[in-house]
PDB file of N, CA and C in Angstrom:
ATOM      1  N   MET A   1      23.965  -2.967 -24.086  1.00  0.00           N
ATOM      2  CA  MET A   1      23.848  -3.261 -25.307  1.00  0.00           C
ATOM      3  C   MET A   1      23.995  -2.105 -26.540  1.00  0.00           C
ATOM      4  N   ARG A   2      24.298  -2.400 -27.574  1.00  0.00           N
ATOM      5  CA  ARG A   2      24.931  -1.476 -28.515  1.00  0.00           C
ATOM      6  C   ARG A   2      23.594  -0.711 -29.106  1.00  0.00           C
ATOM      7  N   LYS A   3      23.792   0.631 -29.003  1.00  0.00           N
ATOM      8  CA  LYS A   3      22.379   1.577 -29.823  1.00  0.00           C
ATOM      9  C   LYS A   3      23.134   2.589 -30.675  1.00  0.00           C
ATOM     10  N   GLY A   4      23.346   2.107 -32.491  1.00  0.00           N
ATOM     11  CA  GLY A   4      23.619   2.955 -33.211  1.00  0.00           C
ATOM     12  C   GLY A   4      25.150   3.250 -33.265  1.00  0.00           C
ATOM     13  N   ARG A   5      26.036   2.612 -32.293  1.00  0.00           N
ATOM     14  CA  ARG A   5      27.573   3.307 -32.295  1.00  0.00           C
ATOM     15  C   ARG A   5      28.121   1.924 -31.692  1.00  0.00           C
ATOM     16  N   CYS A   6      29.707   2.257 -31.760  1.00  0.00           N
ATOM     17  CA  CYS A   6      30.581   1.347 -30.869  1.00  0.00           C
ATOM     18  C   CYS A   6      30.207   1.574 -29.590  1.00  0.00           C
ATOM     19  N   SER A   7      30.534   0.443 -28.610  1.00  0.00           N
ATOM     20  CA  SER A   7      30.372   0.613 -27.243  1.00  0.00           C
ATOM     21  C   SER A   7      31.785   0.638 -26.441  1.00  0.00           C
ATOM     22  N   CYS A   8      32.543   0.170 -27.181  1.00  0.00           N
ATOM     23  CA  CYS A   8      33.758   0.134 -26.315  1.00  0.00           C
ATOM     24  C   CYS A   8      34.597   1.127 -26.978  1.00  0.00           C
ATOM     25  N   ILE A   9      35.287   2.635 -26.448  1.00  0.00           N
ATOM     26  CA  ILE A   9      36.333   3.108 -26.723  1.00  0.00           C
ATOM     27  C   ILE A   9      37.629   2.595 -26.666  1.00  0.00           C
ATOM     28  N   ASN A  10      37.974   2.172 -25.219  1.00  0.00           N
ATOM     29  CA  ASN A  10      39.431   1.466 -25.037  1.00  0.00           C
ATOM     30  C   ASN A  10      38.845   0.235 -24.499  1.00  0.00           C
ATOM     31  N   THR A  11      39.766  -0.844 -24.800  1.00  0.00           N
ATOM     32  CA  THR A  11      39.873  -1.801 -23.951  1.00  0.00           C
ATOM     33  C   THR A  11      40.989  -2.445 -23.222  1.00  0.00           C
ATOM     34  N   SER A  12      40.459  -3.228 -22.120  1.00  0.00           N
ATOM     35  CA  SER A  12      41.629  -3.341 -21.156  1.00  0.00           C
ATOM     36  C   SER A  12      42.583  -4.694 -21.791  1.00  0.00           C
ATOM     37  N   GLN A  13      43.416  -4.591 -21.179  1.00  0.00           N
ATOM     38  CA  GLN A  13      44.455  -5.658 -21.582  1.00  0.00           C
ATOM     39  C   GLN A  13      44.936  -6.419 -20.765  1.00  0.00           C
ATOM     40  N   GLY A  14      44.272  -6.459 -19.460  1.00  0.00           N
ATOM     41  CA  GLY A  14      44.217  -7.307 -18.658  1.00  0.00           C
ATOM     42  C   GLY A  14      43.611  -8.343 -18.449  1.00  0.00           C
ATOM     43  N   MET A  15      43.699  -9.443 -17.777  1.00  0.00           N
ATOM     44  CA  MET A  15      43.027 -10.792 -17.357  1.00  0.00           C
ATOM     45  C   MET A  15      42.092 -10.614 -16.508  1.00  0.00           C
ATOM     46  N   ILE A  16      41.092 -11.384 -16.939  1.00  0.00           N
ATOM     47  CA  ILE A  16      39.956 -11.417 -15.897  1.00  0.00           C
ATOM     48  C   ILE A  16      39.783 -12.916 -15.368  1.00  0.00           C
ATOM     49  N   HIS A  17      39.735 -12.979 -13.932  1.00  0.00           N
ATOM     50  CA  HIS A  17      39.362 -14.482 -13.636  1.00  0.00           C
ATOM     51  C   HIS A  17      38.185 -14.845 -14.128  1.00  0.00           C
ATOM     52  N   PRO A  18      37.892 -15.970 -14.598  1.00  0.00           N
ATOM     53  CA  PRO A  18      36.403 -16.079 -14.733  1.00  0.00           C
ATOM     54  C   PRO A  18      35.546 -16.359 -13.517  1.00  0.00           C
ATOM     55  N   LYS A  19      36.012 -16.632 -12.356  1.00  0.00           N
ATOM     56  CA  LYS A  19      35.073 -16.383 -10.844  1.00  0.00           C
ATOM     57  C   LYS A  19      34.534 -15.422 -10.601  1.00  0.00           C
ATOM     58  N   PHE A  20      35.058 -14.417 -11.036  1.00  0.00           N
ATOM     59  CA  PHE A  20      34.499 -13.040 -11.067  1.00  0.00           C
ATOM     60  C   PHE A  20      33.534 -12.140 -12.188  1.00  0.00           C
ATOM     61  N   LEU A  21      33.605 -13.246 -12.963  1.00  0.00           N
ATOM     62  CA  LEU A  21      32.623 -13.140 -14.436  1.00  0.00           C
ATOM     63  C   LEU A  21      31.313 -13.052 -14.257  1.00  0.00           C
ATOM     64  N   LYS A  22      30.073 -12.114 -14.406  1.00  0.00           N
ATOM     65  CA  LYS A  22      29.079 -12.708 -14.534  1.00  0.00           C
ATOM     66  C   LYS A  22      28.452 -12.774 -15.917  1.00  0.00           C
ATOM     67  N   ASP A  23      29.102 -12.076 -16.645  1.00  0.00           N
ATOM     68  CA  ASP A  23      28.268 -12.413 -17.905  1.00  0.00           C
ATOM     69  C   ASP A  23      29.349 -11.554 -19.130  1.00  0.00           C
ATOM     70  N   LEU A  24      29.572 -12.605 -20.219  1.00  0.00           N
ATOM     71  CA  LEU A  24      30.359 -11.932 -21.292  1.00  0.00           C
ATOM     72  C   LEU A  24      29.629 -11.939 -22.816  1.00  0.00           C
ATOM     73  N   LYS A  25      29.691 -10.615 -23.148  1.00  0.00           N
ATOM     74  CA  LYS A  25      29.005 -10.308 -24.579  1.00  0.00           C
ATOM     75  C   LYS A  25      29.905  -9.955 -25.678  1.00  0.00           C
ATOM     76  N   GLN A  26      29.693 -10.927 -26.711  1.00  0.00           N
ATOM     77  CA  GLN A  26      30.516 -10.592 -27.999  1.00  0.00           C
ATOM     78  C   GLN A  26      29.713  -9.856 -28.909  1.00  0.00           C
ATOM     79  N   PHE A  27      29.857  -8.889 -29.544  1.00  0.00           N
ATOM     80  CA  PHE A  27      29.201  -8.171 -30.847  1.00  0.00           C
ATOM     81  C   PHE A  27      29.985  -8.481 -31.992  1.00  0.00           C
ATOM     82  N   ALA A  28      29.189  -8.819 -33.039  1.00  0.00           N
ATOM     83  CA  ALA A  28      29.922  -8.878 -34.312  1.00  0.00           C
ATOM     84  C   ALA A  28      29.959  -7.348 -35.002  1.00  0.00           C
ATOM     85  N   PRO A  29      30.820  -7.155 -35.779  1.00  0.00           N
ATOM     86  CA  PRO A  29      30.778  -6.239 -36.508  1.00  0.00           C
ATOM     87  C   PRO A  29      29.527  -5.783 -37.157  1.00  0.00           C
ATOM     88  N   SER A  30      29.071  -4.342 -37.197  1.00  0.00           N
ATOM     89  CA  SER A  30      27.905  -4.250 -37.827  1.00  0.00           C
ATOM     90  C   SER A  30      27.880  -3.048 -38.472  1.00  0.00           C
ATOM     91  N   PRO A  31      26.800  -2.654 -39.448  1.00  0.00           N
ATOM     92  CA  PRO A  31      26.952  -1.003 -39.625  1.00  0.00           C
ATOM     93  C   PRO A  31      27.169   0.201 -39.182  1.00  0.00           C
ATOM     94  N   SER A  32      26.660  -0.188 -37.936  1.00  0.00           N
ATOM     95  CA  SER A  32      26.970   0.710 -36.669  1.00  0.00           C
ATOM     96  C   SER A  32      28.489   0.888 -35.940  1.00  0.00           C
ATOM     97  N   CYS A  33      28.802  -0.445 -36.362  1.00  0.00           N
ATOM     98  CA  CYS A  33      30.193  -0.513 -35.254  1.00  0.00           C
ATOM     99  C   CYS A  33      31.153  -1.471 -36.413  1.00  0.00           C
ATOM    100  N   GLU A  34      32.069  -1.114 -36.824  1.00  0.00           N
ATOM    101  CA  GLU A  34      32.922  -1.995 -37.806  1.00  0.00           C
ATOM    102  C   GLU A  34      33.735  -2.915 -36.704  1.00  0.00           C
ATOM    103  N   LYS A  35      34.315  -2.818 -35.637  1.00  0.00           N
ATOM    104  CA  LYS A  35      34.484  -3.579 -34.619  1.00  0.00           C
ATOM    105  C   LYS A  35      33.873  -4.547 -33.965  1.00  0.00           C
ATOM    106  N   THR A  36      34.751  -5.528 -33.363  1.00  0.00           N
ATOM    107  CA  THR A  36      34.178  -6.638 -33.056  1.00  0.00           C
ATOM    108  C   THR A  36      34.410  -6.301 -31.530  1.00  0.00           C
ATOM    109  N   GLU A  37      33.420  -6.400 -30.679  1.00  0.00           N
ATOM    110  CA  GLU A  37      33.432  -5.655 -29.712  1.00  0.00           C
ATOM    111  C   GLU A  37      33.206  -7.164 -28.141  1.00  0.00           C
ATOM    112  N   ILE A  38      33.631  -7.098 -27.332  1.00  0.00           N
ATOM    113  CA  ILE A  38      33.783  -7.660 -25.911  1.00  0.00           C
ATOM    114  C   ILE A  38      33.636  -6.849 -24.977  1.00  0.00           C
ATOM    115  N   ILE A  39      32.304  -7.488 -24.494  1.00  0.00           N
ATOM    116  CA  ILE A  39      31.899  -6.522 -22.959  1.00  0.00           C
ATOM    117  C   ILE A  39      32.020  -7.714 -21.711  1.00  0.00           C
ATOM    118  N   ALA A  40      32.812  -7.721 -20.701  1.00  0.00           N
ATOM    119  CA  ALA A  40      32.725  -8.292 -19.534  1.00  0.00           C
ATOM    120  C   ALA A  40      31.777  -7.599 -18.484  1.00  0.00           C
ATOM    121  N   THR A  41      30.990  -8.179 -17.882  1.00  0.00           N
ATOM    122  CA  THR A  41      30.539  -7.625 -16.931  1.00  0.00           C
ATOM    123  C   THR A  41      30.495  -8.334 -15.552  1.00  0.00           C
ATOM    124  N   MET A  42      31.200  -8.036 -14.504  1.00  0.00           N
ATOM    125  CA  MET A  42      31.780  -8.460 -13.426  1.00  0.00           C
ATOM    126  C   MET A  42      30.650  -8.735 -12.656  1.00  0.00           C
ATOM    127  N   LYS A  43      30.453  -9.645 -11.422  1.00  0.00           N
ATOM    128  CA  LYS A  43      29.825  -9.499 -10.487  1.00  0.00           C
ATOM    129  C   LYS A  43      29.418  -8.724  -9.571  1.00  0.00           C
ATOM    130  N   ASN A  44      30.051  -8.135  -9.588  1.00  0.00           N
ATOM    131  CA  ASN A  44      29.780  -6.653  -8.642  1.00  0.00           C
ATOM    132  C   ASN A  44      29.232  -5.482  -9.694  1.00  0.00           C
ATOM    133  N   GLY A  45      29.001  -5.823 -10.983  1.00  0.00           N
ATOM    134  CA  GLY A  45      28.241  -5.034 -11.802  1.00  0.00           C
ATOM    135  C   GLY A  45      29.345  -3.663 -12.781  1.00  0.00           C
ATOM    136  N   ASP A  46      30.335  -4.275 -12.284  1.00  0.00           N
ATOM    137  CA  ASP A  46      31.424  -3.060 -13.249  1.00  0.00           C
ATOM    138  C   ASP A  46      31.543  -4.121 -14.802  1.00  0.00           C
ATOM    139  N   GLN A  47      31.651  -3.180 -15.878  1.00  0.00           N
ATOM    140  CA  GLN A  47      31.719  -3.585 -17.151  1.00  0.00           C
ATOM    141  C   GLN A  47      33.275  -2.809 -17.613  1.00  0.00           C
ATOM    142  N   THR A  48      33.838  -3.898 -18.401  1.00  0.00           N
ATOM    143  CA  THR A  48      34.779  -3.410 -19.362  1.00  0.00           C
ATOM    144  C   THR A  48      34.858  -4.070 -20.534  1.00  0.00           C
ATOM    145  N   CYS A  49      35.324  -3.790 -21.466  1.00  0.00           N
ATOM    146  CA  CYS A  49      35.548  -3.794 -22.935  1.00  0.00           C
ATOM    147  C   CYS A  49      36.956  -4.505 -22.854  1.00  0.00           C
ATOM    148  N   LEU A  50      37.181  -5.927 -23.449  1.00  0.00           N
ATOM    149  CA  LEU A  50      38.210  -6.570 -23.892  1.00  0.00           C
ATOM    150  C   LEU A  50      38.592  -6.660 -24.805  1.00  0.00           C
ATOM    151  N   ASN A  51      39.892  -6.660 -25.193  1.00  0.00           N
ATOM    152  CA  ASN A  51      40.672  -6.478 -26.681  1.00  0.00           C
ATOM    153  C   ASN A  51      40.295  -8.168 -27.190  1.00  0.00           C
ATOM    154  N   PRO A  52      39.443  -8.007 -28.326  1.00  0.00           N
ATOM    155  CA  PRO A  52      39.388  -9.514 -28.756  1.00  0.00           C
ATOM    156  C   PRO A  52      40.227  -9.920 -29.520  1.00  0.00           C
ATOM    157  N   ASP A  53      41.541  -9.423 -30.070  1.00  0.00           N
ATOM    158  CA  ASP A  53      42.484  -9.909 -30.573  1.00  0.00           C
ATOM    159  C   ASP A  53      43.753 -10.372 -29.614  1.00  0.00           C
ATOM    160  N   SER A  54      43.344 -10.393 -28.295  1.00  0.00           N
ATOM    161  CA  SER A  54      44.514 -10.798 -27.277  1.00  0.00           C
ATOM    162  C   SER A  54      44.053 -12.426 -26.794  1.00  0.00           C
ATOM    163  N   ALA A  55      45.152 -12.820 -27.030  1.00  0.00           N
ATOM    164  CA  ALA A  55      45.149 -14.310 -26.600  1.00  0.00           C
ATOM    165  C   ALA A  55      44.427 -14.715 -25.115  1.00  0.00           C
ATOM    166  N   ASP A  56      45.008 -13.975 -24.205  1.00  0.00           N
ATOM    167  CA  ASP A  56      44.014 -14.156 -23.106  1.00  0.00           C
ATOM    168  C   ASP A  56      42.926 -13.996 -22.922  1.00  0.00           C
ATOM    169  N   VAL A  57      41.652 -12.746 -23.897  1.00  0.00           N
ATOM    170  CA  VAL A  57      40.820 -12.863 -24.088  1.00  0.00           C
ATOM    171  C   VAL A  57      40.150 -14.191 -24.781  1.00  0.00           C
ATOM    172  N   LYS A  58      40.833 -14.434 -25.476  1.00  0.00           N
ATOM    173  CA  LYS A  58      40.669 -15.648 -26.286  1.00  0.00           C
ATOM    174  C   LYS A  58      40.212 -17.205 -25.469  1.00  0.00           C
ATOM    175  N   GLU A  59      41.331 -16.922 -24.578  1.00  0.00           N
ATOM    176  CA  GLU A  59      41.141 -18.039 -23.972  1.00  0.00           C
ATOM    177  C   GLU A  59      39.882 -17.916 -22.536  1.00  0.00           C
ATOM    178  N   LEU A  60      39.960 -16.780 -22.548  1.00  0.00           N
ATOM    179  CA  LEU A  60      38.490 -16.312 -21.393  1.00  0.00           C
ATOM    180  C   LEU A  60      37.201 -16.695 -22.264  1.00  0.00           C
ATOM    181  N   ILE A  61      37.240 -16.502 -23.279  1.00  0.00           N
ATOM    182  CA  ILE A  61      35.759 -16.856 -24.078  1.00  0.00           C
ATOM    183  C   ILE A  61      35.756 -18.241 -23.862  1.00  0.00           C
ATOM    184  N   LYS A  62      36.908 -18.955 -24.105  1.00  0.00           N
ATOM    185  CA  LYS A  62      36.599 -20.218 -24.469  1.00  0.00           C
ATOM    186  C   LYS A  62      36.163 -21.252 -23.074  1.00  0.00           C
ATOM    187  N   GLU A  63      36.759 -20.544 -22.124  1.00  0.00           N
ATOM    188  CA  GLU A  63      36.464 -20.719 -20.611  1.00  0.00           C
ATOM    189  C   GLU A  63      35.331 -20.713 -20.522  1.00  0.00           C
ATOM    190  N   TRP A  64      34.849 -19.411 -20.452  1.00  0.00           N
ATOM    191  CA  TRP A  64      33.272 -19.225 -20.403  1.00  0.00           C
ATOM    192  C   TRP A  64      32.248 -19.877 -20.998  1.00  0.00           C
ATOM    193  N   GLU A  65      32.317 -20.243 -22.336  1.00  0.00           N
ATOM    194  CA  GLU A  65      31.376 -20.984 -23.118  1.00  0.00           C
ATOM    195  C   GLU A  65      31.670 -22.084 -22.664  1.00  0.00           C
ATOM    196  N   LYS A  66      32.566 -22.676 -22.026  1.00  0.00           N
ATOM    197  CA  LYS A  66      32.601 -23.801 -21.331  1.00  0.00           C
ATOM    198  C   LYS A  66      31.655 -24.086 -20.115  1.00  0.00           C
ATOM    199  N   GLN A  67      31.729 -23.373 -19.218  1.00  0.00           N
ATOM    200  CA  GLN A  67      30.971 -22.936 -17.821  1.00  0.00           C
ATOM    201  C   GLN A  67      29.761 -22.503 -18.260  1.00  0.00           C
ATOM    202  N   VAL A  68      29.516 -21.717 -19.418  1.00  0.00           N
ATOM    203  CA  VAL A  68      27.811 -21.784 -19.400  1.00  0.00           C
ATOM    204  C   VAL A  68      27.357 -22.850 -20.163  1.00  0.00           C
ATOM    205  N   GLY A  69      28.099 -23.444 -21.131  1.00  0.00           N
ATOM    206  CA  GLY A  69      27.498 -24.886 -21.546  1.00  0.00           C
ATOM    207  C   GLY A  69      26.767 -25.971 -20.105  1.00  0.00           C
ATOM    208  N   GLU A  70      28.085 -26.060 -19.376  1.00  0.00           N
ATOM    209  CA  GLU A  70      28.041 -26.536 -18.136  1.00  0.00           C
ATOM    210  C   GLU A  70      26.699 -26.553 -17.215  1.00  0.00           C
ATOM    211  N   LYS A  71      26.397 -25.064 -17.044  1.00  0.00           N
ATOM    212  CA  LYS A  71      25.289 -24.590 -16.686  1.00  0.00           C
ATOM    213  C   LYS A  71      24.118 -25.320 -17.409  1.00  0.00           C
ATOM    214  N   GLU A  72      23.949 -25.027 -18.793  1.00  0.00           N
ATOM    215  CA  GLU A  72      22.907 -25.204 -19.355  1.00  0.00           C
ATOM    216  C   GLU A  72      22.486 -26.693 -19.333  1.00  0.00           C
ATOM    217  N   ASP A  73      23.533 -27.872 -19.183  1.00  0.00           N
ATOM    218  CA  ASP A  73      23.618 -29.046 -19.184  1.00  0.00           C
ATOM    219  C   ASP A  73      22.786 -29.386 -18.019  1.00  0.00           C
ATOM    220  N   GLU A  74      23.243 -28.348 -16.707  1.00  0.00           N
ATOM    221  CA  GLU A  74      22.590 -28.845 -15.480  1.00  0.00           C
ATOM    222  C   GLU A  74      21.640 -28.482 -15.399  1.00  0.00           C
ATOM    223  N   ASN A  75      20.913 -27.396 -15.870  1.00  0.00           N
ATOM    224  CA  ASN A  75      19.617 -26.949 -15.735  1.00  0.00           C
ATOM    225  C   ASN A  75      18.983 -28.031 -16.654  1.00  0.00           C
ATOM    226  N   PHE A  76      19.309 -28.435 -17.859  1.00  0.00           N
ATOM    227  CA  PHE A  76      18.424 -29.417 -18.374  1.00  0.00           C
ATOM    228  C   PHE A  76      18.266 -30.558 -17.687  1.00  0.00           C
ATOM    229  N   LEU A  77      19.377 -30.674 -17.235  1.00  0.00           N
ATOM    230  CA  LEU A  77      19.069 -32.459 -16.335  1.00  0.00           C
ATOM    231  C   LEU A  77      18.275 -32.113 -15.183  1.00  0.00           C
ATOM    232  N   SER A  78      18.386 -30.827 -14.410  1.00  0.00           N
ATOM    233  CA  SER A  78      17.588 -30.610 -13.352  1.00  0.00           C
ATOM    234  C   SER A  78      16.377 -30.107 -13.549  1.00  0.00           C
ATOM    235  N   PHE A  79      15.784 -30.036 -14.862  1.00  0.00           N
ATOM    236  CA  PHE A  79      14.538 -29.806 -15.541  1.00  0.00           C
ATOM    237  C   PHE A  79      13.905 -31.229 -15.819  1.00  0.00           C
ATOM    238  N   ARG A  80      14.775 -31.703 -16.035  1.00  0.00           N
ATOM    239  CA  ARG A  80      14.007 -33.358 -16.458  1.00  0.00           C
ATOM    240  C   ARG A  80      13.981 -33.981 -15.378  1.00  0.00           C
ATOM    241  N   ASN A  81      14.418 -33.981 -14.298  1.00  0.00           N
ATOM    242  CA  ASN A  81      14.617 -34.540 -13.131  1.00  0.00           C
ATOM    243  C   ASN A  81      13.197 -34.209 -12.436  1.00  0.00           C
TER     244      ASN A  81
END
């Protein structure tokens, strides 16, 4: 998490397969960092900053949001049963 400055100095241009992804966090610009930052955490614990302007990264975000939404629906349904 950001603390008073930007977390991402460099961004990765490579594509990350969603099956290796543990978490994806997007930080909007703020007074302490004027850039949008996207930080991917892999299942092995590695973290990498992604380029928010990349078409591949935008597609990854959509896929991740879809997966997270499906998991929330499953948890809700299993909680109700």
